[in-house]
Amino acid sequence: MAKKQSAAKLHVFEPSGRRVWTVAGSGDEHWVDPVTGVCSCRAFHYNRTGCVHISAASGDDYETVRFSDEEFGGFLEGLIDEIWARDTLK
């Protein structure tokens, strides 16, 4: 039986150790900062309270994905583009 894939992902960039959390929602991926309790989802934007994505990134069930520091800029650009397209097209 295959292991269930976690919705939460911790993206670690090496060698700097930069960390970016994302959580897959229903059809969308959201940027999450579990330390400050901020999420890019609409529910958080409109309610300014916690959401299921923050809870997911705060738990023990997450996948760690490693990248090189050279990929950091492209990763952030892609994440911002995805959030921008999602929030401006809906």
N, C-alpha and C. Protein backbone atom coordinates (compact mmCIF):
# COMPACT_ATOMS: atom_id res chain seq x y z
N MET A 1 0.84 -1.18 0.00
CA MET A 1 0.00 0.00 0.00
C MET A 1 0.88 1.25 0.00
N ALA A 2 0.58 2.21 -0.86
CA ALA A 2 1.37 3.44 -0.97
C ALA A 2 1.10 4.36 0.21
N LYS A 3 2.15 5.06 0.62
CA LYS A 3 2.01 6.02 1.71
C LYS A 3 1.20 7.22 1.24
N LYS A 4 0.27 7.67 2.08
CA LYS A 4 -0.55 8.84 1.77
C LYS A 4 0.34 10.08 1.71
N GLN A 5 0.18 10.87 0.66
CA GLN A 5 0.96 12.08 0.51
C GLN A 5 0.37 13.19 1.38
N SER A 6 1.19 13.87 2.12
CA SER A 6 0.74 14.95 2.99
C SER A 6 0.40 16.18 2.17
N ALA A 7 -0.58 16.94 2.64
CA ALA A 7 -0.95 18.19 1.97
C ALA A 7 0.06 19.29 2.27
N ALA A 8 0.73 19.20 3.42
CA ALA A 8 1.70 20.21 3.83
C ALA A 8 3.09 19.85 3.33
N LYS A 9 3.79 20.86 2.81
CA LYS A 9 5.16 20.65 2.34
C LYS A 9 6.07 21.74 2.91
N LEU A 10 7.19 21.30 3.42
CA LEU A 10 8.23 22.21 3.87
C LEU A 10 9.32 22.20 2.80
N HIS A 11 9.49 23.33 2.13
CA HIS A 11 10.50 23.46 1.07
C HIS A 11 11.75 24.05 1.73
N VAL A 12 12.83 23.28 1.72
CA VAL A 12 14.08 23.69 2.35
C VAL A 12 15.11 23.97 1.26
N PHE A 13 15.70 25.16 1.30
CA PHE A 13 16.70 25.55 0.30
C PHE A 13 18.08 25.45 0.94
N GLU A 14 18.99 24.81 0.21
CA GLU A 14 20.32 24.53 0.75
C GLU A 14 21.41 25.16 -0.09
N PRO A 15 22.43 25.66 0.50
CA PRO A 15 22.86 25.45 1.89
C PRO A 15 22.34 26.50 2.87
N SER A 16 21.56 27.50 2.43
CA SER A 16 21.17 28.59 3.33
C SER A 16 20.23 28.14 4.45
N GLY A 17 19.43 27.11 4.18
CA GLY A 17 18.46 26.66 5.17
C GLY A 17 17.16 27.44 5.14
N ARG A 18 16.95 28.28 4.11
CA ARG A 18 15.68 29.00 3.98
C ARG A 18 14.55 27.98 3.94
N ARG A 19 13.41 28.36 4.53
CA ARG A 19 12.28 27.44 4.60
C ARG A 19 11.01 28.13 4.14
N VAL A 20 10.25 27.47 3.28
CA VAL A 20 8.97 27.98 2.82
C VAL A 20 7.95 26.86 2.96
N TRP A 21 6.85 27.14 3.61
CA TRP A 21 5.77 26.16 3.77
C TRP A 21 4.69 26.40 2.74
N THR A 22 4.18 25.32 2.14
CA THR A 22 2.99 25.39 1.30
C THR A 22 2.06 24.27 1.72
N VAL A 23 0.77 24.49 1.52
CA VAL A 23 -0.23 23.48 1.82
C VAL A 23 -1.21 23.42 0.66
N ALA A 24 -1.43 22.22 0.15
CA ALA A 24 -2.39 22.02 -0.93
C ALA A 24 -3.79 22.11 -0.36
N GLY A 25 -4.59 22.98 -0.96
CA GLY A 25 -5.99 23.10 -0.56
C GLY A 25 -6.85 22.38 -1.58
N SER A 26 -8.09 22.74 -1.66
CA SER A 26 -8.98 22.11 -2.64
C SER A 26 -8.73 22.74 -4.01
N GLY A 27 -7.75 22.20 -4.71
CA GLY A 27 -7.43 22.69 -6.05
C GLY A 27 -6.35 23.75 -6.11
N ASP A 28 -6.00 24.34 -4.98
CA ASP A 28 -5.00 25.41 -4.94
C ASP A 28 -3.90 25.07 -3.95
N GLU A 29 -2.75 25.70 -4.15
CA GLU A 29 -1.67 25.57 -3.18
C GLU A 29 -1.51 26.91 -2.49
N HIS A 30 -1.35 26.89 -1.18
CA HIS A 30 -1.29 28.12 -0.40
C HIS A 30 0.05 28.25 0.30
N TRP A 31 0.56 29.49 0.36
CA TRP A 31 1.76 29.79 1.13
C TRP A 31 1.32 29.97 2.57
N VAL A 32 2.05 29.38 3.50
CA VAL A 32 1.69 29.43 4.91
C VAL A 32 2.92 29.75 5.74
N ASP A 33 2.74 30.57 6.76
CA ASP A 33 3.79 30.79 7.75
C ASP A 33 3.22 30.37 9.10
N PRO A 34 3.50 29.14 9.52
CA PRO A 34 2.92 28.67 10.78
C PRO A 34 3.44 29.42 12.01
N VAL A 35 4.59 30.06 11.91
CA VAL A 35 5.14 30.80 13.05
C VAL A 35 4.32 32.06 13.32
N THR A 36 4.01 32.81 12.27
CA THR A 36 3.24 34.05 12.44
C THR A 36 1.74 33.82 12.28
N GLY A 37 1.36 32.62 11.80
CA GLY A 37 -0.06 32.31 11.64
C GLY A 37 -0.70 33.00 10.46
N VAL A 38 0.02 33.10 9.33
CA VAL A 38 -0.48 33.77 8.14
C VAL A 38 -0.60 32.77 7.00
N CYS A 39 -1.67 32.91 6.20
CA CYS A 39 -1.90 32.02 5.06
C CYS A 39 -2.37 32.86 3.87
N SER A 40 -2.07 32.39 2.66
CA SER A 40 -2.48 33.12 1.46
C SER A 40 -3.89 32.76 0.99
N CYS A 41 -4.61 31.91 1.72
CA CYS A 41 -5.95 31.50 1.27
C CYS A 41 -6.97 32.63 1.48
N ARG A 42 -8.07 32.55 0.75
CA ARG A 42 -9.12 33.56 0.86
C ARG A 42 -9.76 33.60 2.25
N ALA A 43 -9.94 32.43 2.85
CA ALA A 43 -10.56 32.39 4.18
C ALA A 43 -9.76 33.20 5.18
N PHE A 44 -8.44 33.06 5.15
CA PHE A 44 -7.60 33.84 6.07
C PHE A 44 -7.66 35.31 5.70
N HIS A 45 -7.63 35.63 4.42
CA HIS A 45 -7.63 37.02 3.97
C HIS A 45 -8.88 37.75 4.45
N TYR A 46 -10.02 37.09 4.37
CA TYR A 46 -11.27 37.75 4.73
C TYR A 46 -11.60 37.65 6.22
N ASN A 47 -11.17 36.58 6.88
CA ASN A 47 -11.53 36.38 8.29
C ASN A 47 -10.43 36.79 9.26
N ARG A 48 -9.17 36.83 8.79
CA ARG A 48 -8.01 37.16 9.62
C ARG A 48 -7.89 36.25 10.85
N THR A 49 -8.38 35.06 10.71
CA THR A 49 -8.24 34.08 11.78
C THR A 49 -7.56 32.85 11.21
N GLY A 50 -7.23 31.91 12.06
CA GLY A 50 -6.58 30.69 11.61
C GLY A 50 -7.40 29.96 10.56
N CYS A 51 -6.74 29.11 9.82
CA CYS A 51 -7.42 28.32 8.79
C CYS A 51 -6.86 26.90 8.82
N VAL A 52 -7.47 26.02 8.06
CA VAL A 52 -7.03 24.61 8.05
C VAL A 52 -5.62 24.48 7.50
N HIS A 53 -5.17 25.39 6.65
CA HIS A 53 -3.83 25.31 6.07
C HIS A 53 -2.76 25.58 7.12
N ILE A 54 -3.00 26.56 7.99
CA ILE A 54 -2.07 26.84 9.07
C ILE A 54 -1.99 25.65 10.01
N SER A 55 -3.12 25.06 10.31
CA SER A 55 -3.14 23.87 11.17
C SER A 55 -2.35 22.74 10.55
N ALA A 56 -2.50 22.55 9.24
CA ALA A 56 -1.80 21.47 8.54
C ALA A 56 -0.28 21.68 8.59
N ALA A 57 0.16 22.92 8.43
CA ALA A 57 1.60 23.21 8.44
C ALA A 57 2.17 23.19 9.85
N SER A 58 1.32 23.25 10.85
CA SER A 58 1.78 23.26 12.23
C SER A 58 1.89 21.86 12.83
N GLY A 59 1.38 20.87 12.11
CA GLY A 59 1.38 19.51 12.63
C GLY A 59 2.64 18.74 12.27
N ASP A 60 2.61 17.46 12.56
CA ASP A 60 3.76 16.59 12.31
C ASP A 60 3.69 15.88 10.97
N ASP A 61 2.56 15.99 10.26
CA ASP A 61 2.36 15.28 9.00
C ASP A 61 2.67 16.21 7.83
N TYR A 62 3.93 16.23 7.39
CA TYR A 62 4.31 17.05 6.25
C TYR A 62 5.44 16.36 5.49
N GLU A 63 5.60 16.79 4.26
CA GLU A 63 6.65 16.27 3.40
C GLU A 63 7.74 17.34 3.28
N THR A 64 9.00 16.94 3.36
CA THR A 64 10.11 17.87 3.18
C THR A 64 10.65 17.72 1.77
N VAL A 65 10.73 18.84 1.06
CA VAL A 65 11.26 18.87 -0.31
C VAL A 65 12.49 19.76 -0.31
N ARG A 66 13.59 19.26 -0.83
CA ARG A 66 14.85 20.01 -0.79
C ARG A 66 15.18 20.60 -2.17
N PHE A 67 15.68 21.83 -2.14
CA PHE A 67 16.08 22.55 -3.34
C PHE A 67 17.45 23.17 -3.10
N SER A 68 18.09 23.60 -4.16
CA SER A 68 19.32 24.38 -4.00
C SER A 68 18.94 25.85 -3.89
N ASP A 69 19.81 26.64 -3.29
CA ASP A 69 19.56 28.08 -3.16
C ASP A 69 19.37 28.75 -4.52
N GLU A 70 20.00 28.21 -5.54
CA GLU A 70 19.86 28.80 -6.88
C GLU A 70 18.42 28.73 -7.39
N GLU A 71 17.63 27.83 -6.84
CA GLU A 71 16.24 27.66 -7.27
C GLU A 71 15.26 28.53 -6.49
N PHE A 72 15.75 29.24 -5.47
CA PHE A 72 14.87 30.01 -4.57
C PHE A 72 14.07 31.08 -5.31
N GLY A 73 14.74 31.88 -6.13
CA GLY A 73 14.05 32.96 -6.85
C GLY A 73 12.96 32.44 -7.77
N GLY A 74 13.27 31.42 -8.53
CA GLY A 74 12.28 30.83 -9.43
C GLY A 74 11.13 30.20 -8.68
N PHE A 75 11.42 29.57 -7.55
CA PHE A 75 10.37 28.97 -6.73
C PHE A 75 9.40 30.04 -6.24
N LEU A 76 9.94 31.11 -5.66
CA LEU A 76 9.08 32.19 -5.16
C LEU A 76 8.29 32.86 -6.28
N GLU A 77 8.94 33.07 -7.41
CA GLU A 77 8.26 33.67 -8.56
C GLU A 77 7.07 32.81 -8.99
N GLY A 78 7.28 31.51 -9.07
CA GLY A 78 6.20 30.60 -9.45
C GLY A 78 5.07 30.59 -8.44
N LEU A 79 5.41 30.60 -7.16
CA LEU A 79 4.40 30.60 -6.10
C LEU A 79 3.60 31.90 -6.12
N ILE A 80 4.28 33.03 -6.27
CA ILE A 80 3.58 34.32 -6.33
C ILE A 80 2.70 34.40 -7.57
N ASP A 81 3.20 33.96 -8.70
CA ASP A 81 2.40 33.96 -9.93
C ASP A 81 1.14 33.13 -9.76
N GLU A 82 1.27 31.97 -9.11
CA GLU A 82 0.11 31.10 -8.90
C GLU A 82 -0.92 31.76 -7.99
N ILE A 83 -0.46 32.37 -6.91
CA ILE A 83 -1.37 33.06 -5.99
C ILE A 83 -2.03 34.24 -6.68
N TRP A 84 -1.26 35.02 -7.42
CA TRP A 84 -1.78 36.19 -8.12
C TRP A 84 -2.84 35.78 -9.14
N ALA A 85 -2.55 34.76 -9.94
CA ALA A 85 -3.50 34.29 -10.96
C ALA A 85 -4.78 33.78 -10.30
N ARG A 86 -4.63 33.04 -9.23
CA ARG A 86 -5.80 32.48 -8.53
C ARG A 86 -6.67 33.59 -7.99
N ASP A 87 -6.08 34.57 -7.34
CA ASP A 87 -6.85 35.60 -6.67
C ASP A 87 -7.37 36.69 -7.60
N THR A 88 -6.79 36.85 -8.77
CA THR A 88 -7.27 37.87 -9.68
C THR A 88 -8.24 37.30 -10.73
N LEU A 89 -8.24 35.99 -10.93
CA LEU A 89 -9.11 35.39 -11.94
C LEU A 89 -10.41 34.84 -11.38
N LYS A 90 -10.53 34.73 -10.06
CA LYS A 90 -11.75 34.19 -9.47
C LYS A 90 -12.69 35.28 -9.08
